C-alpha atoms as a PDB file:
ATOM      1  CA  MET A   1       0.000   0.000   0.000  1.00  0.00           C
ATOM      2  CA  ALA A   2       1.844   3.095  -1.288  1.00  0.00           C
ATOM      3  CA  LEU A   3       2.204   5.979   1.147  1.00  0.00           C
ATOM      4  CA  THR A   4       1.156   9.528   0.364  1.00  0.00           C
ATOM      5  CA  LYS A   5       3.417  12.490   1.034  1.00  0.00           C
ATOM      6  CA  GLN A   6       1.347  13.368   4.100  1.00  0.00           C
ATOM      7  CA  GLN A   7       1.604   9.836   5.469  1.00  0.00           C
ATOM      8  CA  LYS A   8       5.381   9.834   5.010  1.00  0.00           C
ATOM      9  CA  THR A   9       5.595  13.196   6.739  1.00  0.00           C
ATOM     10  CA  THR A  10       3.473  11.905   9.612  1.00  0.00           C
ATOM     11  CA  LEU A  11       5.634   8.814  10.061  1.00  0.00           C
ATOM     12  CA  TYR A  12       8.893  10.745   9.940  1.00  0.00           C
ATOM     13  CA  THR A  13       7.628  13.423  12.329  1.00  0.00           C
ATOM     14  CA  ASN A  14       6.365  10.862  14.826  1.00  0.00           C
ATOM     15  CA  LEU A  15       9.622   8.920  14.582  1.00  0.00           C
ATOM     16  CA  VAL A  16      11.714  11.994  15.362  1.00  0.00           C
ATOM     17  CA  ARG A  17       9.383  12.858  18.256  1.00  0.00           C
ATOM     18  CA  ALA A  18       9.648   9.316  19.613  1.00  0.00           C
ATOM     19  CA  VAL A  19      13.450   9.442  19.482  1.00  0.00           C
ATOM     20  CA  ALA A  20      13.475  12.791  21.306  1.00  0.00           C
ATOM     21  CA  LEU A  21      11.221  11.361  24.015  1.00  0.00           C
ATOM     22  CA  ASP A  22      13.370   8.234  24.318  1.00  0.00           C
ATOM     23  CA  GLN A  23      16.437  10.421  24.776  1.00  0.00           C
ATOM     24  CA  LEU A  24      14.535  12.476  27.370  1.00  0.00           C
ATOM     25  CA  MET A  25      13.757   9.318  29.328  1.00  0.00           C
ATOM     26  CA  MET A  26      17.423   8.340  29.227  1.00  0.00           C
ATOM     27  CA  ARG A  27      18.378  11.757  30.606  1.00  0.00           C
ATOM     28  CA  LEU A  28      15.832  11.363  33.391  1.00  0.00           C
ATOM     29  CA  ILE A  29      17.021   7.941  34.518  1.00  0.00           C
ATOM     30  CA  ARG A  30      20.695   8.900  34.320  1.00  0.00           C
ATOM     31  CA  SER A  31      20.097  12.068  36.338  1.00  0.00           C
ATOM     32  CA  GLY A  32      18.202  10.215  39.065  1.00  0.00           C
ATOM     33  CA  LYS A  33      14.864  11.863  38.303  1.00  0.00           C
ATOM     34  CA  MET A  34      13.099   8.652  37.311  1.00  0.00           C
ATOM     35  CA  VAL A  35      11.365   6.323  39.729  1.00  0.00           C
ATOM     36  CA  GLY A  36      11.819   2.707  38.710  1.00  0.00           C
ATOM     37  CA  PHE A  37      13.521   1.598  35.506  1.00  0.00           C
ATOM     38  CA  TYR A  38      13.480   2.024  31.736  1.00  0.00           C
ATOM     39  CA  HIS A  39      13.865  -0.073  28.566  1.00  0.00           C
ATOM     40  CA  GLU A  40      15.629   2.169  26.046  1.00  0.00           C
ATOM     41  CA  GLY A  41      14.198   2.289  22.540  1.00  0.00           C
ATOM     42  CA  GLY A  42      17.388   3.255  20.725  1.00  0.00           C
ATOM     43  CA  ILE A  43      17.135   2.404  17.027  1.00  0.00           C
ATOM     44  CA  ALA A  44      14.105   0.113  17.486  1.00  0.00           C
ATOM     45  CA  LEU A  45      11.362   2.760  17.516  1.00  0.00           C
ATOM     46  CA  ALA A  46      10.085   2.609  13.930  1.00  0.00           C
ATOM     47  CA  PRO A  47       7.667  -0.314  14.532  1.00  0.00           C
ATOM     48  CA  GLY A  48       6.028   1.470  17.465  1.00  0.00           C
ATOM     49  CA  VAL A  49       5.650   4.670  15.467  1.00  0.00           C
ATOM     50  CA  ALA A  50       3.941   2.828  12.627  1.00  0.00           C
ATOM     51  CA  ALA A  51       1.696   0.897  15.031  1.00  0.00           C
ATOM     52  CA  GLY A  52       0.082   4.067  16.332  1.00  0.00           C
ATOM     53  CA  SER A  53       0.253   6.574  13.483  1.00  0.00           C
ATOM     54  CA  PHE A  54      -2.792   5.414  11.509  1.00  0.00           C
ATOM     55  CA  LEU A  55      -5.122   4.232  14.267  1.00  0.00           C
ATOM     56  CA  ARG A  56      -8.277   6.089  15.219  1.00  0.00           C
ATOM     57  CA  ARG A  57      -8.746   7.267  18.759  1.00  0.00           C
ATOM     58  CA  ASP A  58     -11.407   4.595  19.373  1.00  0.00           C
ATOM     59  CA  ASP A  59      -9.115   1.776  18.185  1.00  0.00           C
ATOM     60  CA  ALA A  60      -7.721  -0.178  21.128  1.00  0.00           C
ATOM     61  CA  MET A  61      -3.964  -0.550  21.466  1.00  0.00           C
ATOM     62  CA  ASN A  62      -1.662  -2.492  23.758  1.00  0.00           C
ATOM     63  CA  PRO A  63       1.746  -0.780  23.451  1.00  0.00           C
ATOM     64  CA  HIS A  64       5.005  -2.760  23.494  1.00  0.00           C
ATOM     65  CA  TYR A  65       7.288  -2.223  26.511  1.00  0.00           C
ATOM     66  CA  ARG A  66      10.266  -1.078  24.388  1.00  0.00           C
ATOM     67  CA  ALA A  67      10.722   2.627  25.222  1.00  0.00           C
ATOM     68  CA  HIS A  68       7.765   1.933  27.505  1.00  0.00           C
ATOM     69  CA  GLY A  69       5.335   2.362  24.639  1.00  0.00           C
ATOM     70  CA  LEU A  70       6.104   6.052  24.101  1.00  0.00           C
ATOM     71  CA  ALA A  71       6.552   5.645  20.335  1.00  0.00           C
ATOM     72  CA  HIS A  72       3.227   3.834  20.090  1.00  0.00           C
ATOM     73  CA  MET A  73       1.304   6.299  22.228  1.00  0.00           C
ATOM     74  CA  VAL A  74       2.702   9.598  20.960  1.00  0.00           C
ATOM     75  CA  SER A  75       1.993   8.404  17.408  1.00  0.00           C
ATOM     76  CA  LYS A  76      -1.602   7.564  18.361  1.00  0.00           C
ATOM     77  CA  GLY A  77      -2.062  11.139  19.525  1.00  0.00           C
ATOM     78  CA  ILE A  78      -1.920  10.562  23.283  1.00  0.00           C
ATOM     79  CA  ASP A  79      -0.646  13.419  25.434  1.00  0.00           C
ATOM     80  CA  VAL A  80       2.299  11.616  27.044  1.00  0.00           C
ATOM     81  CA  ARG A  81       3.249  14.415  29.429  1.00  0.00           C
ATOM     82  CA  THR A  82       1.471  12.622  32.251  1.00  0.00           C
ATOM     83  CA  TYR A  83       3.276   9.379  31.376  1.00  0.00           C
ATOM     84  CA  VAL A  84       6.675  11.070  31.699  1.00  0.00           C
ATOM     85  CA  ALA A  85       5.522  12.563  35.006  1.00  0.00           C
ATOM     86  CA  GLU A  86       4.420   9.095  36.119  1.00  0.00           C
ATOM     87  CA  HIS A  87       7.951   7.800  35.563  1.00  0.00           C
ATOM     88  CA  MET A  88       9.172  10.630  37.780  1.00  0.00           C
ATOM     89  CA  GLY A  89       6.743   9.816  40.587  1.00  0.00           C
ATOM     90  CA  ARG A  90       4.814  13.087  40.299  1.00  0.00           C
ATOM     91  CA  VAL A  91       1.210  13.770  41.255  1.00  0.00           C
ATOM     92  CA  ASP A  92       0.335  14.822  37.695  1.00  0.00           C
ATOM     93  CA  GLY A  93       1.314  11.387  36.405  1.00  0.00           C
ATOM     94  CA  CYS A  94      -1.321   9.265  34.688  1.00  0.00           C
ATOM     95  CA  ALA A  95      -1.578   7.127  37.861  1.00  0.00           C
ATOM     96  CA  LYS A  96      -0.782   9.994  40.250  1.00  0.00           C
ATOM     97  CA  GLY A  97       2.878   8.972  40.413  1.00  0.00           C
ATOM     98  CA  ARG A  98       2.231   5.592  42.002  1.00  0.00           C
ATOM     99  CA  SER A  99       2.908   3.070  39.263  1.00  0.00           C
ATOM    100  CA  SER A 100       6.329   3.940  37.799  1.00  0.00           C
ATOM    101  CA  PHE A 101       5.605   2.795  34.233  1.00  0.00           C
ATOM    102  CA  HIS A 102       2.169   1.180  34.091  1.00  0.00           C
ATOM    103  CA  VAL A 103      -0.110   3.044  31.750  1.00  0.00           C
ATOM    104  CA  SER A 104      -3.814   3.660  31.376  1.00  0.00           C
ATOM    105  CA  TYR A 105      -5.454   6.127  28.991  1.00  0.00           C
ATOM    106  CA  PRO A 106      -9.011   4.787  28.657  1.00  0.00           C
ATOM    107  CA  GLU A 107     -10.214   7.860  26.750  1.00  0.00           C
ATOM    108  CA  ASP A 108      -7.617   6.970  24.087  1.00  0.00           C
ATOM    109  CA  HIS A 109      -8.461   3.247  24.259  1.00  0.00           C
ATOM    110  CA  VAL A 110      -5.205   2.242  25.923  1.00  0.00           C
ATOM    111  CA  PHE A 111      -6.779   0.485  28.884  1.00  0.00           C
ATOM    112  CA  GLY A 112      -3.914  -0.790  30.982  1.00  0.00           C
ATOM    113  CA  TRP A 113      -0.581  -2.517  31.015  1.00  0.00           C
ATOM    114  CA  SER A 114       1.132  -5.378  32.769  1.00  0.00           C
ATOM    115  CA  ALA A 115       4.807  -6.329  33.066  1.00  0.00           C
ATOM    116  CA  ASN A 116       3.763  -9.976  32.789  1.00  0.00           C
ATOM    117  CA  ILE A 117       5.004 -11.202  29.392  1.00  0.00           C
ATOM    118  CA  GLY A 118       2.081 -12.203  27.191  1.00  0.00           C
ATOM    119  CA  ALA A 119      -0.513 -10.604  29.470  1.00  0.00           C
ATOM    120  CA  ASN A 120      -1.570  -8.353  26.582  1.00  0.00           C
ATOM    121  CA  PHE A 121      -3.117 -11.175  24.555  1.00  0.00           C
ATOM    122  CA  PRO A 122      -6.285 -11.984  26.587  1.00  0.00           C
ATOM    123  CA  PRO A 123      -7.484  -8.358  26.888  1.00  0.00           C
ATOM    124  CA  SER A 124      -6.732  -7.735  23.216  1.00  0.00           C
ATOM    125  CA  ILE A 125      -8.965 -10.649  22.307  1.00  0.00           C
ATOM    126  CA  GLY A 126     -11.624  -9.186  24.599  1.00  0.00           C
ATOM    127  CA  TYR A 127     -11.405  -5.770  22.919  1.00  0.00           C
ATOM    128  CA  GLY A 128     -11.702  -7.453  19.526  1.00  0.00           C
ATOM    129  CA  PHE A 129     -14.692  -9.507  20.629  1.00  0.00           C
ATOM    130  CA  ALA A 130     -16.377  -6.385  22.024  1.00  0.00           C
ATOM    131  CA  ALA A 131     -15.911  -4.551  18.720  1.00  0.00           C
ATOM    132  CA  ARG A 132     -17.454  -7.425  16.783  1.00  0.00           C
ATOM    133  CA  TYR A 133     -20.266  -7.893  19.315  1.00  0.00           C
ATOM    134  CA  LYS A 134     -21.176  -4.194  19.124  1.00  0.00           C
ATOM    135  CA  GLY A 135     -20.921  -4.195  15.340  1.00  0.00           C
ATOM    136  CA  THR A 136     -18.320  -1.427  15.144  1.00  0.00           C
ATOM    137  CA  ASP A 137     -15.386  -1.248  12.745  1.00  0.00           C
ATOM    138  CA  GLN A 138     -12.844  -0.679  15.522  1.00  0.00           C
ATOM    139  CA  VAL A 139      -9.563  -2.577  15.343  1.00  0.00           C
ATOM    140  CA  VAL A 140      -7.143  -3.726  18.041  1.00  0.00           C
ATOM    141  CA  MET A 141      -3.371  -3.187  17.753  1.00  0.00           C
ATOM    142  CA  ASN A 142      -1.760  -5.859  19.934  1.00  0.00           C
ATOM    143  CA  CYS A 143       1.970  -5.044  20.192  1.00  0.00           C
ATOM    144  CA  SER A 144       4.571  -7.336  21.716  1.00  0.00           C
ATOM    145  CA  GLY A 145       8.052  -8.710  21.241  1.00  0.00           C
ATOM    146  CA  ASP A 146       9.213 -12.061  19.940  1.00  0.00           C
ATOM    147  CA  GLY A 147       9.542 -13.454  23.479  1.00  0.00           C
ATOM    148  CA  SER A 148       5.808 -13.236  24.160  1.00  0.00           C
ATOM    149  CA  TYR A 149       5.082 -15.835  21.487  1.00  0.00           C
ATOM    150  CA  GLN A 150       6.484 -18.496  23.815  1.00  0.00           C
ATOM    151  CA  GLU A 151       3.385 -17.952  25.944  1.00  0.00           C
ATOM    152  CA  GLY A 152       0.366 -20.205  25.609  1.00  0.00           C
ATOM    153  CA  ARG A 153      -1.866 -17.135  25.774  1.00  0.00           C
ATOM    154  CA  ALA A 154      -0.480 -15.956  22.436  1.00  0.00           C
ATOM    155  CA  HIS A 155      -1.487 -19.181  20.691  1.00  0.00           C
ATOM    156  CA  GLU A 156      -4.875 -19.307  22.375  1.00  0.00           C
ATOM    157  CA  GLY A 157      -5.406 -15.697  21.306  1.00  0.00           C
ATOM    158  CA  MET A 158      -4.522 -16.362  17.669  1.00  0.00           C
ATOM    159  CA  LEU A 159      -6.796 -19.405  17.604  1.00  0.00           C
ATOM    160  CA  MET A 160      -9.759 -17.506  19.028  1.00  0.00           C
ATOM    161  CA  CYS A 161      -9.219 -14.551  16.694  1.00  0.00           C
ATOM    162  CA  ALA A 162      -9.033 -16.844  13.677  1.00  0.00           C
ATOM    163  CA  ASN A 163     -12.153 -18.790  14.647  1.00  0.00           C
ATOM    164  CA  TRP A 164     -14.229 -15.701  15.395  1.00  0.00           C
ATOM    165  CA  LYS A 165     -12.730 -13.386  12.743  1.00  0.00           C
ATOM    166  CA  LEU A 166     -11.854 -10.778  15.352  1.00  0.00           C
ATOM    167  CA  PRO A 167     -10.287  -7.471  14.217  1.00  0.00           C
ATOM    168  CA  VAL A 168      -7.001  -7.963  16.069  1.00  0.00           C
ATOM    169  CA  ILE A 169      -3.601  -7.109  14.598  1.00  0.00           C
ATOM    170  CA  PHE A 170      -0.735  -9.152  16.000  1.00  0.00           C
ATOM    171  CA  TRP A 171       2.147  -6.670  15.810  1.00  0.00           C
ATOM    172  CA  CYS A 172       5.342  -8.598  16.612  1.00  0.00           C
ATOM    173  CA  GLU A 173       8.427  -6.399  17.098  1.00  0.00           C
ATOM    174  CA  ASN A 174      11.072  -9.080  16.663  1.00  0.00           C
ATOM    175  CA  ASN A 175      14.557  -7.961  17.694  1.00  0.00           C
ATOM    176  CA  GLY A 176      15.842 -11.537  17.802  1.00  0.00           C
ATOM    177  CA  ILE A 177      16.680 -11.547  21.484  1.00  0.00           C
ATOM    178  CA  ALA A 178      14.477 -11.921  24.574  1.00  0.00           C
ATOM    179  CA  GLN A 179      16.421 -10.178  27.332  1.00  0.00           C
ATOM    180  CA  HIS A 180      19.552 -12.376  27.035  1.00  0.00           C
ATOM    181  CA  SER A 181      18.226 -15.338  25.017  1.00  0.00           C
ATOM    182  CA  LEU A 182      18.626 -15.534  21.251  1.00  0.00           C
ATOM    183  CA  LEU A 183      15.608 -16.316  19.112  1.00  0.00           C
ATOM    184  CA  GLU A 184      17.459 -19.242  17.513  1.00  0.00           C
ATOM    185  CA  ASP A 185      17.726 -20.873  20.946  1.00  0.00           C
ATOM    186  CA  LEU A 186      14.041 -20.380  21.747  1.00  0.00           C
ATOM    187  CA  PHE A 187      12.236 -21.170  18.487  1.00  0.00           C
ATOM    188  CA  PRO A 188      12.635 -23.891  15.850  1.00  0.00           C
ATOM    189  CA  LEU A 189      12.087 -21.289  13.108  1.00  0.00           C
ATOM    190  CA  SER A 190      13.471 -17.839  12.378  1.00  0.00           C
ATOM    191  CA  ASP A 191      10.215 -16.141  11.355  1.00  0.00           C
ATOM    192  CA  ILE A 192       7.675 -15.878  14.167  1.00  0.00           C
ATOM    193  CA  SER A 193       4.992 -14.961  11.641  1.00  0.00           C
ATOM    194  CA  ARG A 194       5.044 -18.542  10.359  1.00  0.00           C
ATOM    195  CA  LEU A 195       3.085 -19.407  13.490  1.00  0.00           C
ATOM    196  CA  ALA A 196       0.157 -17.483  12.022  1.00  0.00           C
ATOM    197  CA  ALA A 197      -0.110 -19.911   9.112  1.00  0.00           C
ATOM    198  CA  GLY A 198      -1.218 -22.647  11.513  1.00  0.00           C
ATOM    199  CA  TYR A 199      -4.290 -20.563  12.264  1.00  0.00           C
ATOM    200  CA  GLU A 200      -4.772 -19.387   8.652  1.00  0.00           C
ATOM    201  CA  ILE A 201      -4.027 -15.817   9.671  1.00  0.00           C
ATOM    202  CA  PRO A 202      -2.462 -13.778   6.838  1.00  0.00           C
ATOM    203  CA  SER A 203       0.934 -12.329   7.639  1.00  0.00           C
ATOM    204  CA  VAL A 204       3.804 -10.209   6.330  1.00  0.00           C
ATOM    205  CA  ILE A 205       7.461  -9.796   7.314  1.00  0.00           C
ATOM    206  CA  ILE A 206       8.773  -6.233   7.351  1.00  0.00           C
ATOM    207  CA  ASP A 207      12.124  -4.485   7.779  1.00  0.00           C
ATOM    208  CA  GLY A 208      11.548  -2.901  11.173  1.00  0.00           C
ATOM    209  CA  GLN A 209      14.270  -0.302  10.610  1.00  0.00           C
ATOM    210  CA  ASP A 210      12.330   1.152   7.660  1.00  0.00           C
ATOM    211  CA  VAL A 211       9.579   3.318   9.144  1.00  0.00           C
ATOM    212  CA  PHE A 212       7.866   3.657   5.764  1.00  0.00           C
ATOM    213  CA  ALA A 213       7.730  -0.116   5.213  1.00  0.00           C
ATOM    214  CA  CYS A 214       6.351  -0.415   8.741  1.00  0.00           C
ATOM    215  CA  GLY A 215       3.736   2.226   7.937  1.00  0.00           C
ATOM    216  CA  GLU A 216       2.648   0.461   4.762  1.00  0.00           C
ATOM    217  CA  ALA A 217       2.255  -2.774   6.729  1.00  0.00           C
ATOM    218  CA  ALA A 218       0.191  -1.000   9.386  1.00  0.00           C
ATOM    219  CA  LEU A 219      -2.171   0.446   6.787  1.00  0.00           C
ATOM    220  CA  LYS A 220      -2.586  -2.965   5.165  1.00  0.00           C
ATOM    221  CA  ALA A 221      -3.270  -4.700   8.476  1.00  0.00           C
ATOM    222  CA  ILE A 222      -5.681  -1.999   9.675  1.00  0.00           C
ATOM    223  CA  ALA A 223      -7.626  -2.065   6.395  1.00  0.00           C
ATOM    224  CA  HIS A 224      -7.866  -5.873   6.564  1.00  0.00           C
ATOM    225  CA  ALA A 225      -9.128  -5.917  10.157  1.00  0.00           C
ATOM    226  CA  ARG A 226     -11.462  -2.928   9.740  1.00  0.00           C
ATOM    227  CA  ALA A 227     -13.120  -4.581   6.740  1.00  0.00           C
ATOM    228  CA  GLY A 228     -14.211  -7.491   8.922  1.00  0.00           C
ATOM    229  CA  LYS A 229     -11.751  -9.992   7.445  1.00  0.00           C
ATOM    230  CA  GLY A 230     -10.385 -11.067  10.817  1.00  0.00           C
ATOM    231  CA  PRO A 231      -6.907 -10.946  12.343  1.00  0.00           C
ATOM    232  CA  PHE A 232      -3.639 -10.048  10.640  1.00  0.00           C
ATOM    233  CA  PHE A 233      -0.055 -10.786  11.716  1.00  0.00           C
ATOM    234  CA  VAL A 234       2.827  -8.370  11.106  1.00  0.00           C
ATOM    235  CA  GLU A 235       6.383  -9.359  12.007  1.00  0.00           C
ATOM    236  CA  LEU A 236       8.806  -6.436  12.110  1.00  0.00           C
ATOM    237  CA  LYS A 237      12.485  -7.392  12.140  1.00  0.00           C
ATOM    238  CA  THR A 238      14.131  -4.752  14.279  1.00  0.00           C
ATOM    239  CA  LEU A 239      17.369  -4.343  16.244  1.00  0.00           C
ATOM    240  CA  ARG A 240      18.268  -3.804  19.878  1.00  0.00           C
ATOM    241  CA  VAL A 241      21.767  -2.379  20.212  1.00  0.00           C
ATOM    242  CA  GLN A 242      21.774  -1.770  23.955  1.00  0.00           C
ATOM    243  CA  GLU A 243      21.008  -3.764  27.087  1.00  0.00           C
ATOM    244  CA  HIS A 244      17.463  -5.033  27.663  1.00  0.00           C
ATOM    245  CA  ASN A 245      16.904  -2.498  30.440  1.00  0.00           C
ATOM    246  CA  VAL A 246      19.051   0.431  31.493  1.00  0.00           C
ATOM    247  CA  GLY A 247      21.823  -0.713  33.824  1.00  0.00           C
ATOM    248  CA  GLY A 248      21.505  -4.375  32.874  1.00  0.00           C
ATOM    249  CA  LEU A 249      23.892  -6.543  30.870  1.00  0.00           C
ATOM    250  CA  ASN A 250      23.909  -6.510  27.085  1.00  0.00           C
ATOM    251  CA  ASN A 251      24.559 -10.216  26.828  1.00  0.00           C
ATOM    252  CA  ASP A 252      23.867 -13.130  24.544  1.00  0.00           C
ATOM    253  CA  GLY A 253      23.402 -15.722  27.270  1.00  0.00           C
ATOM    254  CA  ALA A 254      26.524 -15.444  29.416  1.00  0.00           C
ATOM    255  CA  ARG A 255      28.543 -13.723  26.664  1.00  0.00           C
ATOM    256  CA  PRO A 256      28.649  -9.972  26.032  1.00  0.00           C
ATOM    257  CA  ARG A 257      27.259  -8.993  22.616  1.00  0.00           C
ATOM    258  CA  ASP A 258      29.860  -7.712  20.169  1.00  0.00           C
ATOM    259  CA  PRO A 259      30.183  -3.936  20.777  1.00  0.00           C
ATOM    260  CA  LYS A 260      31.580  -3.419  17.252  1.00  0.00           C
ATOM    261  CA  GLN A 261      28.469  -4.972  15.749  1.00  0.00           C
ATOM    262  CA  MET A 262      26.256  -2.862  18.007  1.00  0.00           C
ATOM    263  CA  GLN A 263      28.031   0.293  16.817  1.00  0.00           C
ATOM    264  CA  GLN A 264      27.821  -0.786  13.182  1.00  0.00           C
ATOM    265  CA  TRP A 265      24.065  -1.275  13.539  1.00  0.00           C
ATOM    266  CA  ARG A 266      23.753   2.211  15.039  1.00  0.00           C
ATOM    267  CA  GLU A 267      25.625   3.715  12.105  1.00  0.00           C
ATOM    268  CA  THR A 268      23.943   1.796   9.299  1.00  0.00           C
ATOM    269  CA  HIS A 269      20.437   0.960  10.583  1.00  0.00           C
ATOM    270  CA  ASP A 270      19.293   4.147  12.313  1.00  0.00           C
ATOM    271  CA  PRO A 271      15.657   4.528  11.131  1.00  0.00           C
ATOM    272  CA  VAL A 272      15.745   8.335  11.343  1.00  0.00           C
ATOM    273  CA  LYS A 273      18.807   8.556   9.078  1.00  0.00           C
ATOM    274  CA  LEU A 274      17.378   6.001   6.665  1.00  0.00           C
ATOM    275  CA  ALA A 275      14.030   7.794   6.466  1.00  0.00           C
ATOM    276  CA  ALA A 276      15.608  11.238   6.053  1.00  0.00           C
ATOM    277  CA  ALA A 277      17.832  10.009   3.247  1.00  0.00           C
ATOM    278  CA  ARG A 278      14.846   8.558   1.409  1.00  0.00           C
ATOM    279  CA  LEU A 279      12.756  11.710   1.834  1.00  0.00           C
ATOM    280  CA  LEU A 280      15.580  13.835   0.449  1.00  0.00           C
ATOM    281  CA  LYS A 281      16.250  11.465  -2.455  1.00  0.00           C
ATOM    282  CA  GLU A 282      12.560  11.404  -3.409  1.00  0.00           C
ATOM    283  CA  LYS A 283      12.371  15.196  -2.894  1.00  0.00           C
ATOM    284  CA  THR A 284       9.408  14.624  -0.612  1.00  0.00           C
ATOM    285  CA  MET A 285      10.997  17.023   1.896  1.00  0.00           C
ATOM    286  CA  ASN A 286      14.046  19.282   1.903  1.00  0.00           C
ATOM    287  CA  GLN A 287      16.755  19.607   4.526  1.00  0.00           C
ATOM    288  CA  ALA A 288      15.253  22.733   6.065  1.00  0.00           C
ATOM    289  CA  GLU A 289      11.944  20.907   6.604  1.00  0.00           C
ATOM    290  CA  LEU A 290      13.714  17.941   8.181  1.00  0.00           C
ATOM    291  CA  ASP A 291      15.689  20.254  10.464  1.00  0.00           C
ATOM    292  CA  ALA A 292      12.503  22.032  11.545  1.00  0.00           C
ATOM    293  CA  ILE A 293      10.951  18.713  12.593  1.00  0.00           C
ATOM    294  CA  GLN A 294      14.039  17.910  14.659  1.00  0.00           C
ATOM    295  CA  VAL A 295      13.951  21.304  16.374  1.00  0.00           C
ATOM    296  CA  ALA A 296      10.221  21.006  17.139  1.00  0.00           C
ATOM    297  CA  ALA A 297      10.661  17.506  18.563  1.00  0.00           C
ATOM    298  CA  GLN A 298      13.455  18.614  20.867  1.00  0.00           C
ATOM    299  CA  ARG A 299      11.413  21.602  21.998  1.00  0.00           C
ATOM    300  CA  GLU A 300       8.488  19.302  22.770  1.00  0.00           C
ATOM    301  CA  ALA A 301      10.696  16.990  24.860  1.00  0.00           C
ATOM    302  CA  ASP A 302      12.191  19.936  26.764  1.00  0.00           C
ATOM    303  CA  GLU A 303       8.749  21.369  27.487  1.00  0.00           C
ATOM    304  CA  ILE A 304       7.501  18.003  28.742  1.00  0.00           C
ATOM    305  CA  GLU A 305      10.516  17.693  31.057  1.00  0.00           C
ATOM    306  CA  SER A 306       9.959  21.193  32.428  1.00  0.00           C
ATOM    307  CA  TRP A 307       6.239  20.532  32.950  1.00  0.00           C
ATOM    308  CA  ALA A 308       6.899  17.250  34.765  1.00  0.00           C
ATOM    309  CA  ASP A 309       9.672  18.832  36.844  1.00  0.00           C
ATOM    310  CA  ASN A 310       7.175  21.386  38.135  1.00  0.00           C
ATOM    311  CA  SER A 311       4.703  18.731  39.230  1.00  0.00           C
ATOM    312  CA  PRO A 312       4.888  17.960  42.988  1.00  0.00           C
ATOM    313  CA  LYS A 313       6.342  14.637  44.055  1.00  0.00           C
ATOM    314  CA  ALA A 314       3.737  12.030  44.947  1.00  0.00           C
ATOM    315  CA  THR A 315       3.706  11.303  48.690  1.00  0.00           C
ATOM    316  CA  PRO A 316       0.208   9.903  49.321  1.00  0.00           C
ATOM    317  CA  PRO A 317      -0.669   8.732  52.855  1.00  0.00           C
ATOM    318  CA  ILE A 318      -1.357   5.042  53.446  1.00  0.00           C
ATOM    319  CA  SER A 319      -5.071   5.744  53.905  1.00  0.00           C
ATOM    320  CA  GLU A 320      -5.257   7.201  50.395  1.00  0.00           C
ATOM    321  CA  LEU A 321      -3.349   4.301  48.873  1.00  0.00           C
ATOM    322  CA  LEU A 322      -5.740   1.810  50.448  1.00  0.00           C
ATOM    323  CA  GLU A 323      -8.758   3.479  48.809  1.00  0.00           C
ATOM    324  CA  GLY A 324      -8.020   1.636  45.579  1.00  0.00           C
ATOM    325  CA  VAL A 325      -7.449  -1.772  47.190  1.00  0.00           C
ATOM    326  CA  TYR A 326     -10.487  -4.027  47.047  1.00  0.00           C
ATOM    327  CA  ALA A 327      -9.024  -7.231  48.516  1.00  0.00           C
ATOM    328  CA  ARG A 328      -6.978  -7.170  51.738  1.00  0.00           C
END
């Protein structure tokens, strides 16, 4: 599905914004302003940008944990200021500074998040069933990494979606490594999307470093699901050049990953550089326009940091914390 100039501009703009936000989060954790931890996005943000850029507000989405879903959510149009504040433990956070990184924006149809790998599949199936039951044309963007497809819930979810023709998009951001374990040691096949064939779910494999290829795949999957044709599986081959989470080890099993290869990937597979080069070559945008997007994205990140900095730290009394506990 060929992209229009406006769609390319949207994808590039959202990608640059996502990178600026990812860099902001790295500044926050390194400066001690963040409560909890962070999974850096690095050069693996293009799939998340494409996942959110063409959804409607009433389409449900489960963001992936890479960059804590910021690329997915900012591209969907969510005001992520409160999410940054949540990471900083501030009262203006989306959960009043109490959750660290768990997210809930029900008005934007992002209904909650769990750190439990594969926990996104059952609610995604529920959102898809609700859309079909109500007779709407809403779709569900179910984002996860390759590691989650070791979970039985993923296979049960694909089976149910296939049987009931539910409008769920399985958006697999495959970086080939689950924390420290290589994909080749966990799966008997290199393409996770081949699992979809067992459930007769159509699928595509995409270069996850190419934000425009990711965007084309998103449009195709959304159109398929919105037309009532059932689920669609998109596997996006992306790269993780840093440790799984900030401060952890960047290992392949017990062995450190090759730092020279990591640097080479940064230099040759940066999705922002690749997208900018293509836009210039096609004369879709000029250098001044690209520079303006970069400046605006950095300004946005700085303003979000300043806003969150000015929010009071969350120090709720025990009595207030217990108000939301229903089983003791």
